[in-house]
Protein backbone atom coordinates (compact mmCIF):
# COMPACT_ATOMS: atom_id res chain seq x y z
CA UNK A 1 54.79 -38.87 49.69
CA UNK A 2 51.75 -38.39 51.50
CA UNK A 3 50.27 -41.26 53.63
CA UNK A 4 46.49 -42.05 53.39
CA UNK A 5 44.97 -44.76 55.37
CA UNK A 6 41.88 -46.25 54.22
CA UNK A 7 38.57 -43.46 53.84
CA UNK A 8 37.10 -44.18 57.37
CA UNK A 9 35.18 -40.84 57.79
CA UNK A 10 34.35 -37.74 55.80
CA UNK A 11 37.71 -36.05 55.86
CA UNK A 12 39.29 -39.43 54.40
CA UNK A 13 36.99 -39.72 51.72
CA UNK A 14 37.34 -35.56 50.96
CA UNK A 15 41.42 -36.38 50.45
CA UNK A 16 40.92 -39.55 48.41
CA UNK A 17 38.34 -37.13 46.15
CA UNK A 18 40.64 -34.43 46.09
CA UNK A 19 43.80 -36.95 45.07
CA UNK A 20 41.39 -38.56 42.64
CA UNK A 21 40.66 -35.54 40.78
CA UNK A 22 44.37 -34.29 40.70
CA UNK A 23 45.59 -32.56 44.00
CA UNK A 24 48.83 -33.60 45.33
CA UNK A 25 50.38 -33.27 48.47
CA UNK A 26 54.41 -33.99 49.19
CA UNK A 27 56.00 -34.43 52.53
CA UNK A 28 53.10 -33.87 54.69
CA UNK A 29 50.53 -35.99 56.25
CA UNK A 30 47.28 -35.65 58.01
CA UNK A 31 46.82 -37.19 61.90
CA UNK A 32 44.19 -36.72 64.46
CA UNK A 33 45.38 -34.26 67.32
CA UNK A 34 42.69 -34.64 69.36
CA UNK A 35 38.89 -35.51 69.29
CA UNK A 36 37.17 -34.20 65.70
CA UNK A 37 40.87 -32.39 65.16
CA UNK A 38 43.52 -33.12 62.73
CA UNK A 39 46.55 -31.54 62.04
CA UNK A 40 49.18 -31.31 59.22
CA UNK A 41 52.75 -32.60 59.92
CA UNK A 42 56.05 -32.69 57.96
CA UNK A 43 56.88 -36.17 57.12
CA UNK A 44 60.58 -34.76 56.23
CA UNK A 45 62.67 -31.39 56.09
CA UNK A 46 60.49 -29.05 53.72
CA UNK A 47 62.61 -26.48 51.77
CA UNK A 48 61.77 -23.30 51.19
CA UNK A 49 59.69 -22.39 48.53
CA UNK A 50 58.95 -26.02 48.40
CA UNK A 51 55.13 -27.00 47.28
CA UNK A 52 53.76 -29.21 49.35
CA UNK A 53 49.92 -29.20 48.53
CA UNK A 54 48.62 -28.56 44.89
CA UNK A 55 44.96 -28.20 44.41
CA UNK A 56 43.76 -27.94 40.52
CA UNK A 57 41.23 -25.10 40.25
CA UNK A 58 38.46 -27.71 38.95
CA UNK A 59 38.35 -28.96 42.46
CA UNK A 60 37.79 -25.19 44.10
CA UNK A 61 34.93 -23.86 44.50
CA UNK A 62 35.12 -20.17 44.09
CA UNK A 63 32.33 -17.49 42.86
CA UNK A 64 33.69 -18.05 39.46
CA UNK A 65 33.36 -21.68 39.15
CA UNK A 66 30.06 -21.51 40.28
CA UNK A 67 27.83 -21.33 36.90
CA UNK A 68 24.59 -21.15 35.16
CA UNK A 69 23.42 -24.77 36.44
CA UNK A 70 23.38 -23.40 40.08
CA UNK A 71 20.47 -21.15 39.60
CA UNK A 72 20.40 -19.48 42.86
CA UNK A 73 24.59 -18.56 42.83
CA UNK A 74 24.03 -17.30 39.33
CA UNK A 75 21.31 -15.03 40.16
CA UNK A 76 23.51 -13.52 43.43
CA UNK A 77 26.45 -13.05 40.60
CA UNK A 78 24.54 -11.11 38.07
CA UNK A 79 22.92 -8.83 41.11
CA UNK A 80 26.71 -8.04 42.15
CA UNK A 81 26.59 -9.91 45.57
CA UNK A 82 29.31 -10.27 47.91
CA UNK A 83 31.81 -13.36 46.81
CA UNK A 84 30.60 -14.98 50.31
CA UNK A 85 27.07 -14.88 49.53
CA UNK A 86 27.80 -16.34 45.33
CA UNK A 87 29.57 -19.36 47.23
CA UNK A 88 27.16 -20.03 50.16
CA UNK A 89 24.37 -20.01 47.52
CA UNK A 90 26.58 -22.45 45.29
CA UNK A 91 27.31 -24.64 48.02
CA UNK A 92 23.20 -25.18 48.67
CA UNK A 93 22.70 -25.49 44.94
CA UNK A 94 25.48 -27.97 44.97
CA UNK A 95 24.19 -29.87 48.15
CA UNK A 96 20.61 -29.92 46.41
CA UNK A 97 22.05 -31.52 43.21
CA UNK A 98 22.31 -35.44 43.10
CA UNK A 99 24.83 -35.09 39.77
CA UNK A 100 27.36 -32.50 41.41
CA UNK A 101 30.64 -32.81 40.92
CA UNK A 102 31.30 -31.82 44.66
CA UNK A 103 29.10 -34.64 46.26
């Protein structure tokens, strides 16, 4: 079980968004460790090969998840640009879109 306080900042809002789209985490929690820093801590003994975090592909921003609706990213993909350049362009396209899934 992951403990999550009410959303108080962008990171907490991100965690709530991830959970609402199927991400799961067990036996871990996020805690403040210093100003603007967080750490992931176990809440119980974790066994070898035990999954503690699952993130569905639909919430991952990857070169493959950038579709034709992101014009700059699509153009870079077609040109053979690096994955980093495509991801940056996809991020910028998404940031500019009011209807972005990642907003």
